[in-house]
Amino acid sequence: MVQITFLAHDGTEYKTDVPAVLSLMEGARNANVPGILAECGGACACSTCHVYVAAEWAARLPPREPMEEDMLDFAWEPDPERSRLSCQIPVSEELEGLVVTVPERQA
């Protein structure tokens, strides 16, 4: 299990243990983290699992694929450096301690 911290827009902290076989979105959904809608179920066909990765983690994640880049155009207030679709981040042991913030709303 990998501990991931989700910060809600209001500052509420949700520390979750996510199995390394899931995506970040699946871990958030399984832990009932509010604000992660995941309407497409992880198919990278919407932007409703948008998160802001903590600045110190942004460069440590796998790079965005072109499809994710395209879908982030539909996210609410995307940040060019920190915005990611949580469905596109596979959880691995290297992500132990990752902190992401859920936006105020999803597009």
PDB file of N, CA and C in Angstrom:
ATOM      1  N   MET A   1       0.832  -1.180   0.000  1.00  0.00           N
ATOM      2  CA  MET A   1       0.000   0.000   0.000  1.00  0.00           C
ATOM      3  C   MET A   1       0.879   1.247   0.000  1.00  0.00           C
ATOM      4  N   VAL A   2       0.404   2.243  -0.711  1.00  0.00           N
ATOM      5  CA  VAL A   2       1.129   3.496  -0.867  1.00  0.00           C
ATOM      6  C   VAL A   2       0.271   4.601  -0.268  1.00  0.00           C
ATOM      7  N   GLN A   3       0.835   5.370   0.656  1.00  0.00           N
ATOM      8  CA  GLN A   3       0.049   6.442   1.263  1.00  0.00           C
ATOM      9  C   GLN A   3       0.068   7.676   0.368  1.00  0.00           C
ATOM     10  N   ILE A   4      -1.149   8.117   0.013  1.00  0.00           N
ATOM     11  CA  ILE A   4      -1.356   9.302  -0.806  1.00  0.00           C
ATOM     12  C   ILE A   4      -2.241  10.250   0.000  1.00  0.00           C
ATOM     13  N   THR A   5      -1.940  11.538  -0.044  1.00  0.00           N
ATOM     14  CA  THR A   5      -2.772  12.525   0.632  1.00  0.00           C
ATOM     15  C   THR A   5      -3.490  13.361  -0.413  1.00  0.00           C
ATOM     16  N   PHE A   6      -4.817  13.384  -0.293  1.00  0.00           N
ATOM     17  CA  PHE A   6      -5.661  14.234  -1.124  1.00  0.00           C
ATOM     18  C   PHE A   6      -6.104  15.405  -0.261  1.00  0.00           C
ATOM     19  N   LEU A   7      -5.915  16.610  -0.765  1.00  0.00           N
ATOM     20  CA  LEU A   7      -6.375  17.807  -0.069  1.00  0.00           C
ATOM     21  C   LEU A   7      -7.593  18.340  -0.806  1.00  0.00           C
ATOM     22  N   ALA A   8      -8.705  18.442  -0.094  1.00  0.00           N
ATOM     23  CA  ALA A   8      -9.901  19.039  -0.679  1.00  0.00           C
ATOM     24  C   ALA A   8      -9.682  20.539  -0.817  1.00  0.00           C
ATOM     25  N   HIS A   9     -10.477  21.162  -1.650  1.00  0.00           N
ATOM     26  CA  HIS A   9     -10.349  22.603  -1.870  1.00  0.00           C
ATOM     27  C   HIS A   9     -10.490  23.388  -0.565  1.00  0.00           C
ATOM     28  N   ASP A  10     -11.284  22.864   0.369  1.00  0.00           N
ATOM     29  CA  ASP A  10     -11.490  23.560   1.647  1.00  0.00           C
ATOM     30  C   ASP A  10     -10.391  23.265   2.672  1.00  0.00           C
ATOM     31  N   GLY A  11      -9.383  22.501   2.256  1.00  0.00           N
ATOM     32  CA  GLY A  11      -8.261  22.199   3.138  1.00  0.00           C
ATOM     33  C   GLY A  11      -8.378  20.895   3.891  1.00  0.00           C
ATOM     34  N   THR A  12      -9.529  20.214   3.799  1.00  0.00           N
ATOM     35  CA  THR A  12      -9.682  18.919   4.464  1.00  0.00           C
ATOM     36  C   THR A  12      -8.705  17.924   3.859  1.00  0.00           C
ATOM     37  N   GLU A  13      -8.043  17.180   4.713  1.00  0.00           N
ATOM     38  CA  GLU A  13      -7.018  16.228   4.292  1.00  0.00           C
ATOM     39  C   GLU A  13      -7.576  14.811   4.333  1.00  0.00           C
ATOM     40  N   TYR A  14      -7.352  14.071   3.252  1.00  0.00           N
ATOM     41  CA  TYR A  14      -7.762  12.673   3.165  1.00  0.00           C
ATOM     42  C   TYR A  14      -6.515  11.835   2.901  1.00  0.00           C
ATOM     43  N   LYS A  15      -6.020  11.184   3.929  1.00  0.00           N
ATOM     44  CA  LYS A  15      -4.867  10.287   3.767  1.00  0.00           C
ATOM     45  C   LYS A  15      -5.417   8.915   3.416  1.00  0.00           C
ATOM     46  N   THR A  16      -4.948   8.370   2.320  1.00  0.00           N
ATOM     47  CA  THR A  16      -5.454   7.082   1.863  1.00  0.00           C
ATOM     48  C   THR A  16      -4.294   6.137   1.594  1.00  0.00           C
ATOM     49  N   ASP A  17      -4.537   4.869   1.793  1.00  0.00           N
ATOM     50  CA  ASP A  17      -3.588   3.828   1.414  1.00  0.00           C
ATOM     51  C   ASP A  17      -4.111   3.199   0.138  1.00  0.00           C
ATOM     52  N   VAL A  18      -3.317   3.294  -0.923  1.00  0.00           N
ATOM     53  CA  VAL A  18      -3.740   2.854  -2.242  1.00  0.00           C
ATOM     54  C   VAL A  18      -2.851   1.692  -2.686  1.00  0.00           C
ATOM     55  N   PRO A  19      -3.457   0.582  -3.115  1.00  0.00           N
ATOM     56  CA  PRO A  19      -2.648  -0.513  -3.650  1.00  0.00           C
ATOM     57  C   PRO A  19      -1.898  -0.071  -4.906  1.00  0.00           C
ATOM     58  N   ALA A  20      -0.692  -0.543  -5.065  1.00  0.00           N
ATOM     59  CA  ALA A  20       0.155  -0.144  -6.188  1.00  0.00           C
ATOM     60  C   ALA A  20      -0.356  -0.658  -7.533  1.00  0.00           C
ATOM     61  N   VAL A  21      -1.433  -1.403  -7.553  1.00  0.00           N
ATOM     62  CA  VAL A  21      -1.989  -1.887  -8.823  1.00  0.00           C
ATOM     63  C   VAL A  21      -3.054  -0.948  -9.387  1.00  0.00           C
ATOM     64  N   LEU A  22      -3.413   0.098  -8.649  1.00  0.00           N
ATOM     65  CA  LEU A  22      -4.480   1.008  -9.067  1.00  0.00           C
ATOM     66  C   LEU A  22      -3.937   2.319  -9.614  1.00  0.00           C
ATOM     67  N   SER A  23      -4.818   3.083 -10.233  1.00  0.00           N
ATOM     68  CA  SER A  23      -4.462   4.450 -10.614  1.00  0.00           C
ATOM     69  C   SER A  23      -4.778   5.353  -9.423  1.00  0.00           C
ATOM     70  N   LEU A  24      -4.254   6.546  -9.464  1.00  0.00           N
ATOM     71  CA  LEU A  24      -4.534   7.522  -8.414  1.00  0.00           C
ATOM     72  C   LEU A  24      -6.036   7.790  -8.326  1.00  0.00           C
ATOM     73  N   MET A  25      -6.708   7.867  -9.468  1.00  0.00           N
ATOM     74  CA  MET A  25      -8.159   8.092  -9.497  1.00  0.00           C
ATOM     75  C   MET A  25      -8.895   6.949  -8.824  1.00  0.00           C
ATOM     76  N   GLU A  26      -8.514   5.720  -9.114  1.00  0.00           N
ATOM     77  CA  GLU A  26      -9.181   4.569  -8.497  1.00  0.00           C
ATOM     78  C   GLU A  26      -9.006   4.580  -6.986  1.00  0.00           C
ATOM     79  N   GLY A  27      -7.821   4.951  -6.534  1.00  0.00           N
ATOM     80  CA  GLY A  27      -7.577   5.040  -5.097  1.00  0.00           C
ATOM     81  C   GLY A  27      -8.445   6.104  -4.451  1.00  0.00           C
ATOM     82  N   ALA A  28      -8.586   7.258  -5.112  1.00  0.00           N
ATOM     83  CA  ALA A  28      -9.429   8.332  -4.585  1.00  0.00           C
ATOM     84  C   ALA A  28     -10.891   7.911  -4.573  1.00  0.00           C
ATOM     85  N   ARG A  29     -11.327   7.295  -5.635  1.00  0.00           N
ATOM     86  CA  ARG A  29     -12.721   6.845  -5.730  1.00  0.00           C
ATOM     87  C   ARG A  29     -13.030   5.800  -4.657  1.00  0.00           C
ATOM     88  N   ASN A  30     -12.116   4.851  -4.472  1.00  0.00           N
ATOM     89  CA  ASN A  30     -12.320   3.801  -3.468  1.00  0.00           C
ATOM     90  C   ASN A  30     -12.349   4.365  -2.053  1.00  0.00           C
ATOM     91  N   ALA A  31     -11.647   5.471  -1.844  1.00  0.00           N
ATOM     92  CA  ALA A  31     -11.598   6.097  -0.519  1.00  0.00           C
ATOM     93  C   ALA A  31     -12.673   7.178  -0.364  1.00  0.00           C
ATOM     94  N   ASN A  32     -13.531   7.321  -1.367  1.00  0.00           N
ATOM     95  CA  ASN A  32     -14.613   8.318  -1.334  1.00  0.00           C
ATOM     96  C   ASN A  32     -14.102   9.742  -1.137  1.00  0.00           C
ATOM     97  N   VAL A  33     -13.001  10.070  -1.805  1.00  0.00           N
ATOM     98  CA  VAL A  33     -12.478  11.429  -1.741  1.00  0.00           C
ATOM     99  C   VAL A  33     -13.436  12.342  -2.515  1.00  0.00           C
ATOM    100  N   PRO A  34     -14.004  13.343  -1.863  1.00  0.00           N
ATOM    101  CA  PRO A  34     -14.943  14.220  -2.568  1.00  0.00           C
ATOM    102  C   PRO A  34     -14.261  15.033  -3.656  1.00  0.00           C
ATOM    103  N   GLY A  35     -14.998  15.229  -4.748  1.00  0.00           N
ATOM    104  CA  GLY A  35     -14.479  16.052  -5.839  1.00  0.00           C
ATOM    105  C   GLY A  35     -13.854  15.265  -6.964  1.00  0.00           C
ATOM    106  N   ILE A  36     -13.585  13.998  -6.766  1.00  0.00           N
ATOM    107  CA  ILE A  36     -13.079  13.154  -7.848  1.00  0.00           C
ATOM    108  C   ILE A  36     -14.296  12.450  -8.442  1.00  0.00           C
ATOM    109  N   LEU A  37     -14.814  12.987  -9.546  1.00  0.00           N
ATOM    110  CA  LEU A  37     -16.042  12.458 -10.129  1.00  0.00           C
ATOM    111  C   LEU A  37     -15.792  11.231 -11.000  1.00  0.00           C
ATOM    112  N   ALA A  38     -14.709  11.246 -11.755  1.00  0.00           N
ATOM    113  CA  ALA A  38     -14.298  10.103 -12.586  1.00  0.00           C
ATOM    114  C   ALA A  38     -15.437   9.603 -13.466  1.00  0.00           C
ATOM    115  N   GLU A  39     -16.081  10.512 -14.159  1.00  0.00           N
ATOM    116  CA  GLU A  39     -17.244  10.164 -14.965  1.00  0.00           C
ATOM    117  C   GLU A  39     -16.961   9.151 -16.062  1.00  0.00           C
ATOM    118  N   CYS A  40     -15.765   9.146 -16.619  1.00  0.00           N
ATOM    119  CA  CYS A  40     -15.467   8.195 -17.698  1.00  0.00           C
ATOM    120  C   CYS A  40     -14.863   6.898 -17.171  1.00  0.00           C
ATOM    121  N   GLY A  41     -14.687   6.810 -15.863  1.00  0.00           N
ATOM    122  CA  GLY A  41     -14.177   5.570 -15.274  1.00  0.00           C
ATOM    123  C   GLY A  41     -12.701   5.310 -15.486  1.00  0.00           C
ATOM    124  N   GLY A  42     -11.974   6.302 -15.918  1.00  0.00           N
ATOM    125  CA  GLY A  42     -10.528   6.134 -16.078  1.00  0.00           C
ATOM    126  C   GLY A  42     -10.079   5.952 -17.512  1.00  0.00           C
ATOM    127  N   ALA A  43     -10.942   6.259 -18.472  1.00  0.00           N
ATOM    128  CA  ALA A  43     -10.620   6.069 -19.884  1.00  0.00           C
ATOM    129  C   ALA A  43      -9.936   7.281 -20.519  1.00  0.00           C
ATOM    130  N   CYS A  44      -9.616   8.287 -19.733  1.00  0.00           N
ATOM    131  CA  CYS A  44      -9.007   9.522 -20.234  1.00  0.00           C
ATOM    132  C   CYS A  44      -9.898  10.160 -21.300  1.00  0.00           C
ATOM    133  N   ALA A  45     -11.215  10.148 -21.023  1.00  0.00           N
ATOM    134  CA  ALA A  45     -12.183  10.708 -21.960  1.00  0.00           C
ATOM    135  C   ALA A  45     -12.948  11.883 -21.358  1.00  0.00           C
ATOM    136  N   CYS A  46     -12.540  12.329 -20.187  1.00  0.00           N
ATOM    137  CA  CYS A  46     -13.147  13.499 -19.560  1.00  0.00           C
ATOM    138  C   CYS A  46     -12.059  14.140 -18.696  1.00  0.00           C
ATOM    139  N   SER A  47     -12.407  15.147 -17.967  1.00  0.00           N
ATOM    140  CA  SER A  47     -11.404  15.769 -17.085  1.00  0.00           C
ATOM    141  C   SER A  47     -11.920  15.840 -15.654  1.00  0.00           C
ATOM    142  N   THR A  48     -12.815  14.930 -15.279  1.00  0.00           N
ATOM    143  CA  THR A  48     -13.463  15.008 -13.971  1.00  0.00           C
ATOM    144  C   THR A  48     -12.692  14.307 -12.857  1.00  0.00           C
ATOM    145  N   CYS A  49     -11.455  13.958 -13.128  1.00  0.00           N
ATOM    146  CA  CYS A  49     -10.579  13.441 -12.070  1.00  0.00           C
ATOM    147  C   CYS A  49      -9.335  14.321 -11.949  1.00  0.00           C
ATOM    148  N   HIS A  50      -9.468  15.545 -12.422  1.00  0.00           N
ATOM    149  CA  HIS A  50      -8.382  16.526 -12.413  1.00  0.00           C
ATOM    150  C   HIS A  50      -7.893  16.785 -10.986  1.00  0.00           C
ATOM    151  N   VAL A  51      -6.582  16.828 -10.812  1.00  0.00           N
ATOM    152  CA  VAL A  51      -5.962  17.183  -9.537  1.00  0.00           C
ATOM    153  C   VAL A  51      -4.767  18.082  -9.807  1.00  0.00           C
ATOM    154  N   TYR A  52      -4.354  18.800  -8.758  1.00  0.00           N
ATOM    155  CA  TYR A  52      -3.116  19.577  -8.788  1.00  0.00           C
ATOM    156  C   TYR A  52      -2.089  18.824  -7.962  1.00  0.00           C
ATOM    157  N   VAL A  53      -1.023  18.418  -8.585  1.00  0.00           N
ATOM    158  CA  VAL A  53       0.048  17.707  -7.901  1.00  0.00           C
ATOM    159  C   VAL A  53       0.903  18.721  -7.148  1.00  0.00           C
ATOM    160  N   ALA A  54       1.279  18.398  -5.920  1.00  0.00           N
ATOM    161  CA  ALA A  54       2.163  19.285  -5.152  1.00  0.00           C
ATOM    162  C   ALA A  54       3.413  19.578  -5.985  1.00  0.00           C
ATOM    163  N   ALA A  55       3.845  20.824  -5.942  1.00  0.00           N
ATOM    164  CA  ALA A  55       4.954  21.281  -6.788  1.00  0.00           C
ATOM    165  C   ALA A  55       6.186  20.389  -6.687  1.00  0.00           C
ATOM    166  N   GLU A  56       6.499  19.943  -5.482  1.00  0.00           N
ATOM    167  CA  GLU A  56       7.701  19.117  -5.314  1.00  0.00           C
ATOM    168  C   GLU A  56       7.567  17.730  -5.932  1.00  0.00           C
ATOM    169  N   TRP A  57       6.358  17.338  -6.312  1.00  0.00           N
ATOM    170  CA  TRP A  57       6.119  16.033  -6.930  1.00  0.00           C
ATOM    171  C   TRP A  57       5.961  16.106  -8.440  1.00  0.00           C
ATOM    172  N   ALA A  58       5.679  17.260  -8.982  1.00  0.00           N
ATOM    173  CA  ALA A  58       5.325  17.383 -10.405  1.00  0.00           C
ATOM    174  C   ALA A  58       6.353  16.744 -11.330  1.00  0.00           C
ATOM    175  N   ALA A  59       7.612  16.995 -11.121  1.00  0.00           N
ATOM    176  CA  ALA A  59       8.654  16.457 -12.003  1.00  0.00           C
ATOM    177  C   ALA A  59       8.944  14.986 -11.734  1.00  0.00           C
ATOM    178  N   ARG A  60       8.459  14.456 -10.639  1.00  0.00           N
ATOM    179  CA  ARG A  60       8.740  13.065 -10.282  1.00  0.00           C
ATOM    180  C   ARG A  60       7.736  12.079 -10.873  1.00  0.00           C
ATOM    181  N   LEU A  61       6.660  12.596 -11.449  1.00  0.00           N
ATOM    182  CA  LEU A  61       5.634  11.737 -12.037  1.00  0.00           C
ATOM    183  C   LEU A  61       5.971  11.431 -13.485  1.00  0.00           C
ATOM    184  N   PRO A  62       5.404  10.341 -14.015  1.00  0.00           N
ATOM    185  CA  PRO A  62       5.592  10.088 -15.451  1.00  0.00           C
ATOM    186  C   PRO A  62       5.033  11.267 -16.250  1.00  0.00           C
ATOM    187  N   PRO A  63       5.631  11.573 -17.382  1.00  0.00           N
ATOM    188  CA  PRO A  63       5.147  12.726 -18.159  1.00  0.00           C
ATOM    189  C   PRO A  63       3.730  12.488 -18.688  1.00  0.00           C
ATOM    190  N   ARG A  64       3.041  13.580 -18.980  1.00  0.00           N
ATOM    191  CA  ARG A  64       1.701  13.496 -19.570  1.00  0.00           C
ATOM    192  C   ARG A  64       1.811  12.959 -20.994  1.00  0.00           C
ATOM    193  N   GLU A  65       0.881  12.094 -21.332  1.00  0.00           N
ATOM    194  CA  GLU A  65       0.754  11.628 -22.713  1.00  0.00           C
ATOM    195  C   GLU A  65      -0.077  12.664 -23.482  1.00  0.00           C
ATOM    196  N   PRO A  66      -0.003  12.672 -24.810  1.00  0.00           N
ATOM    197  CA  PRO A  66      -0.766  13.656 -25.587  1.00  0.00           C
ATOM    198  C   PRO A  66      -2.274  13.645 -25.299  1.00  0.00           C
ATOM    199  N   MET A  67      -2.864  12.482 -25.090  1.00  0.00           N
ATOM    200  CA  MET A  67      -4.298  12.417 -24.825  1.00  0.00           C
ATOM    201  C   MET A  67      -4.649  13.123 -23.507  1.00  0.00           C
ATOM    202  N   GLU A  68      -3.815  12.930 -22.489  1.00  0.00           N
ATOM    203  CA  GLU A  68      -4.035  13.619 -21.221  1.00  0.00           C
ATOM    204  C   GLU A  68      -3.903  15.126 -21.412  1.00  0.00           C
ATOM    205  N   GLU A  69      -2.895  15.558 -22.148  1.00  0.00           N
ATOM    206  CA  GLU A  69      -2.717  16.992 -22.438  1.00  0.00           C
ATOM    207  C   GLU A  69      -3.980  17.558 -23.073  1.00  0.00           C
ATOM    208  N   ASP A  70      -4.541  16.838 -24.044  1.00  0.00           N
ATOM    209  CA  ASP A  70      -5.747  17.302 -24.716  1.00  0.00           C
ATOM    210  C   ASP A  70      -6.918  17.414 -23.740  1.00  0.00           C
ATOM    211  N   MET A  71      -7.104  16.425 -22.882  1.00  0.00           N
ATOM    212  CA  MET A  71      -8.235  16.437 -21.948  1.00  0.00           C
ATOM    213  C   MET A  71      -8.077  17.508 -20.881  1.00  0.00           C
ATOM    214  N   LEU A  72      -6.857  17.850 -20.523  1.00  0.00           N
ATOM    215  CA  LEU A  72      -6.650  18.908 -19.530  1.00  0.00           C
ATOM    216  C   LEU A  72      -7.127  20.269 -20.031  1.00  0.00           C
ATOM    217  N   ASP A  73      -7.265  20.411 -21.348  1.00  0.00           N
ATOM    218  CA  ASP A  73      -7.828  21.652 -21.897  1.00  0.00           C
ATOM    219  C   ASP A  73      -9.260  21.869 -21.411  1.00  0.00           C
ATOM    220  N   PHE A  74      -9.933  20.789 -21.010  1.00  0.00           N
ATOM    221  CA  PHE A  74     -11.323  20.873 -20.555  1.00  0.00           C
ATOM    222  C   PHE A  74     -11.437  20.947 -19.034  1.00  0.00           C
ATOM    223  N   ALA A  75     -10.318  20.865 -18.336  1.00  0.00           N
ATOM    224  CA  ALA A  75     -10.326  20.906 -16.864  1.00  0.00           C
ATOM    225  C   ALA A  75     -10.600  22.322 -16.388  1.00  0.00           C
ATOM    226  N   TRP A  76     -11.117  22.408 -15.163  1.00  0.00           N
ATOM    227  CA  TRP A  76     -11.389  23.708 -14.559  1.00  0.00           C
ATOM    228  C   TRP A  76     -10.086  24.290 -14.023  1.00  0.00           C
ATOM    229  N   GLU A  77      -9.716  25.465 -14.512  1.00  0.00           N
ATOM    230  CA  GLU A  77      -8.513  26.182 -14.103  1.00  0.00           C
ATOM    231  C   GLU A  77      -7.258  25.303 -14.065  1.00  0.00           C
ATOM    232  N   PRO A  78      -6.893  24.728 -15.210  1.00  0.00           N
ATOM    233  CA  PRO A  78      -5.686  23.894 -15.228  1.00  0.00           C
ATOM    234  C   PRO A  78      -4.421  24.711 -14.974  1.00  0.00           C
ATOM    235  N   ASP A  79      -3.497  24.089 -14.317  1.00  0.00           N
ATOM    236  CA  ASP A  79      -2.181  24.682 -14.060  1.00  0.00           C
ATOM    237  C   ASP A  79      -1.198  23.997 -15.011  1.00  0.00           C
ATOM    238  N   PRO A  80      -0.459  24.747 -15.813  1.00  0.00           N
ATOM    239  CA  PRO A  80       0.412  24.118 -16.811  1.00  0.00           C
ATOM    240  C   PRO A  80       1.480  23.187 -16.229  1.00  0.00           C
ATOM    241  N   GLU A  81       1.871  23.411 -15.002  1.00  0.00           N
ATOM    242  CA  GLU A  81       2.916  22.585 -14.383  1.00  0.00           C
ATOM    243  C   GLU A  81       2.364  21.487 -13.487  1.00  0.00           C
ATOM    244  N   ARG A  82       1.254  21.748 -12.803  1.00  0.00           N
ATOM    245  CA  ARG A  82       0.810  20.852 -11.730  1.00  0.00           C
ATOM    246  C   ARG A  82      -0.453  20.061 -12.025  1.00  0.00           C
ATOM    247  N   SER A  83      -1.216  20.428 -13.060  1.00  0.00           N
ATOM    248  CA  SER A  83      -2.461  19.725 -13.347  1.00  0.00           C
ATOM    249  C   SER A  83      -2.202  18.361 -13.963  1.00  0.00           C
ATOM    250  N   ARG A  84      -2.928  17.384 -13.441  1.00  0.00           N
ATOM    251  CA  ARG A  84      -2.883  16.027 -13.993  1.00  0.00           C
ATOM    252  C   ARG A  84      -4.276  15.425 -13.907  1.00  0.00           C
ATOM    253  N   LEU A  85      -4.527  14.445 -14.759  1.00  0.00           N
ATOM    254  CA  LEU A  85      -5.714  13.617 -14.624  1.00  0.00           C
ATOM    255  C   LEU A  85      -5.297  12.434 -13.768  1.00  0.00           C
ATOM    256  N   SER A  86      -5.963  12.273 -12.644  1.00  0.00           N
ATOM    257  CA  SER A  86      -5.535  11.231 -11.703  1.00  0.00           C
ATOM    258  C   SER A  86      -5.702   9.832 -12.272  1.00  0.00           C
ATOM    259  N   CYS A  87      -6.552   9.667 -13.297  1.00  0.00           N
ATOM    260  CA  CYS A  87      -6.695   8.346 -13.925  1.00  0.00           C
ATOM    261  C   CYS A  87      -5.451   7.955 -14.708  1.00  0.00           C
ATOM    262  N   GLN A  88      -4.614   8.912 -15.012  1.00  0.00           N
ATOM    263  CA  GLN A  88      -3.419   8.651 -15.818  1.00  0.00           C
ATOM    264  C   GLN A  88      -2.145   8.519 -14.992  1.00  0.00           C
ATOM    265  N   ILE A  89      -2.299   8.445 -13.676  1.00  0.00           N
ATOM    266  CA  ILE A  89      -1.136   8.294 -12.798  1.00  0.00           C
ATOM    267  C   ILE A  89      -1.201   6.931 -12.126  1.00  0.00           C
ATOM    268  N   PRO A  90      -0.383   5.981 -12.588  1.00  0.00           N
ATOM    269  CA  PRO A  90      -0.368   4.682 -11.927  1.00  0.00           C
ATOM    270  C   PRO A  90       0.317   4.795 -10.564  1.00  0.00           C
ATOM    271  N   VAL A  91      -0.296   4.208  -9.558  1.00  0.00           N
ATOM    272  CA  VAL A  91       0.294   4.246  -8.221  1.00  0.00           C
ATOM    273  C   VAL A  91       1.417   3.213  -8.158  1.00  0.00           C
ATOM    274  N   SER A  92       2.545   3.663  -7.633  1.00  0.00           N
ATOM    275  CA  SER A  92       3.701   2.782  -7.434  1.00  0.00           C
ATOM    276  C   SER A  92       4.345   3.154  -6.100  1.00  0.00           C
ATOM    277  N   GLU A  93       5.219   2.306  -5.643  1.00  0.00           N
ATOM    278  CA  GLU A  93       5.897   2.550  -4.367  1.00  0.00           C
ATOM    279  C   GLU A  93       6.649   3.888  -4.377  1.00  0.00           C
ATOM    280  N   GLU A  94       7.083   4.325  -5.551  1.00  0.00           N
ATOM    281  CA  GLU A  94       7.800   5.596  -5.669  1.00  0.00           C
ATOM    282  C   GLU A  94       6.918   6.799  -5.328  1.00  0.00           C
ATOM    283  N   LEU A  95       5.606   6.599  -5.293  1.00  0.00           N
ATOM    284  CA  LEU A  95       4.697   7.704  -4.990  1.00  0.00           C
ATOM    285  C   LEU A  95       4.338   7.795  -3.511  1.00  0.00           C
ATOM    286  N   GLU A  96       4.992   7.022  -2.675  1.00  0.00           N
ATOM    287  CA  GLU A  96       4.732   7.081  -1.230  1.00  0.00           C
ATOM    288  C   GLU A  96       4.862   8.523  -0.745  1.00  0.00           C
ATOM    289  N   GLY A  97       3.780   9.029  -0.138  1.00  0.00           N
ATOM    290  CA  GLY A  97       3.789  10.387   0.389  1.00  0.00           C
ATOM    291  C   GLY A  97       3.302  11.458  -0.573  1.00  0.00           C
ATOM    292  N   LEU A  98       2.893  11.067  -1.778  1.00  0.00           N
ATOM    293  CA  LEU A  98       2.402  12.028  -2.766  1.00  0.00           C
ATOM    294  C   LEU A  98       1.240  12.848  -2.179  1.00  0.00           C
ATOM    295  N   VAL A  99       1.231  14.135  -2.499  1.00  0.00           N
ATOM    296  CA  VAL A  99       0.159  15.032  -2.073  1.00  0.00           C
ATOM    297  C   VAL A  99      -0.432  15.682  -3.319  1.00  0.00           C
ATOM    298  N   VAL A 100      -1.749  15.584  -3.452  1.00  0.00           N
ATOM    299  CA  VAL A 100      -2.456  16.232  -4.559  1.00  0.00           C
ATOM    300  C   VAL A 100      -3.636  17.012  -3.993  1.00  0.00           C
ATOM    301  N   THR A 101      -4.013  18.075  -4.670  1.00  0.00           N
ATOM    302  CA  THR A 101      -5.150  18.895  -4.275  1.00  0.00           C
ATOM    303  C   THR A 101      -6.257  18.738  -5.295  1.00  0.00           C
ATOM    304  N   VAL A 102      -7.459  18.532  -4.807  1.00  0.00           N
ATOM    305  CA  VAL A 102      -8.633  18.435  -5.662  1.00  0.00           C
ATOM    306  C   VAL A 102      -9.119  19.854  -5.925  1.00  0.00           C
ATOM    307  N   PRO A 103      -9.398  20.206  -7.189  1.00  0.00           N
ATOM    308  CA  PRO A 103      -9.845  21.567  -7.471  1.00  0.00           C
ATOM    309  C   PRO A 103     -11.209  21.866  -6.841  1.00  0.00           C
ATOM    310  N   GLU A 104     -11.536  23.155  -6.794  1.00  0.00           N
ATOM    311  CA  GLU A 104     -12.805  23.590  -6.219  1.00  0.00           C
ATOM    312  C   GLU A 104     -13.984  22.914  -6.909  1.00  0.00           C
ATOM    313  N   ARG A 105     -13.859  22.692  -8.202  1.00  0.00           N
ATOM    314  CA  ARG A 105     -14.894  21.968  -8.943  1.00  0.00           C
ATOM    315  C   ARG A 105     -14.253  21.302 -10.140  1.00  0.00           C
ATOM    316  N   GLN A 106     -14.984  20.362 -10.713  1.00  0.00           N
ATOM    317  CA  GLN A 106     -14.539  19.712 -11.937  1.00  0.00           C
ATOM    318  C   GLN A 106     -15.311  20.322 -13.094  1.00  0.00           C
ATOM    319  N   ALA A 107     -14.704  20.356 -14.263  1.00  0.00           N
ATOM    320  CA  ALA A 107     -15.354  20.941 -15.436  1.00  0.00           C
ATOM    321  C   ALA A 107     -16.514  20.085 -15.893  1.00  0.00           C
TER     322      ALA A 107
END
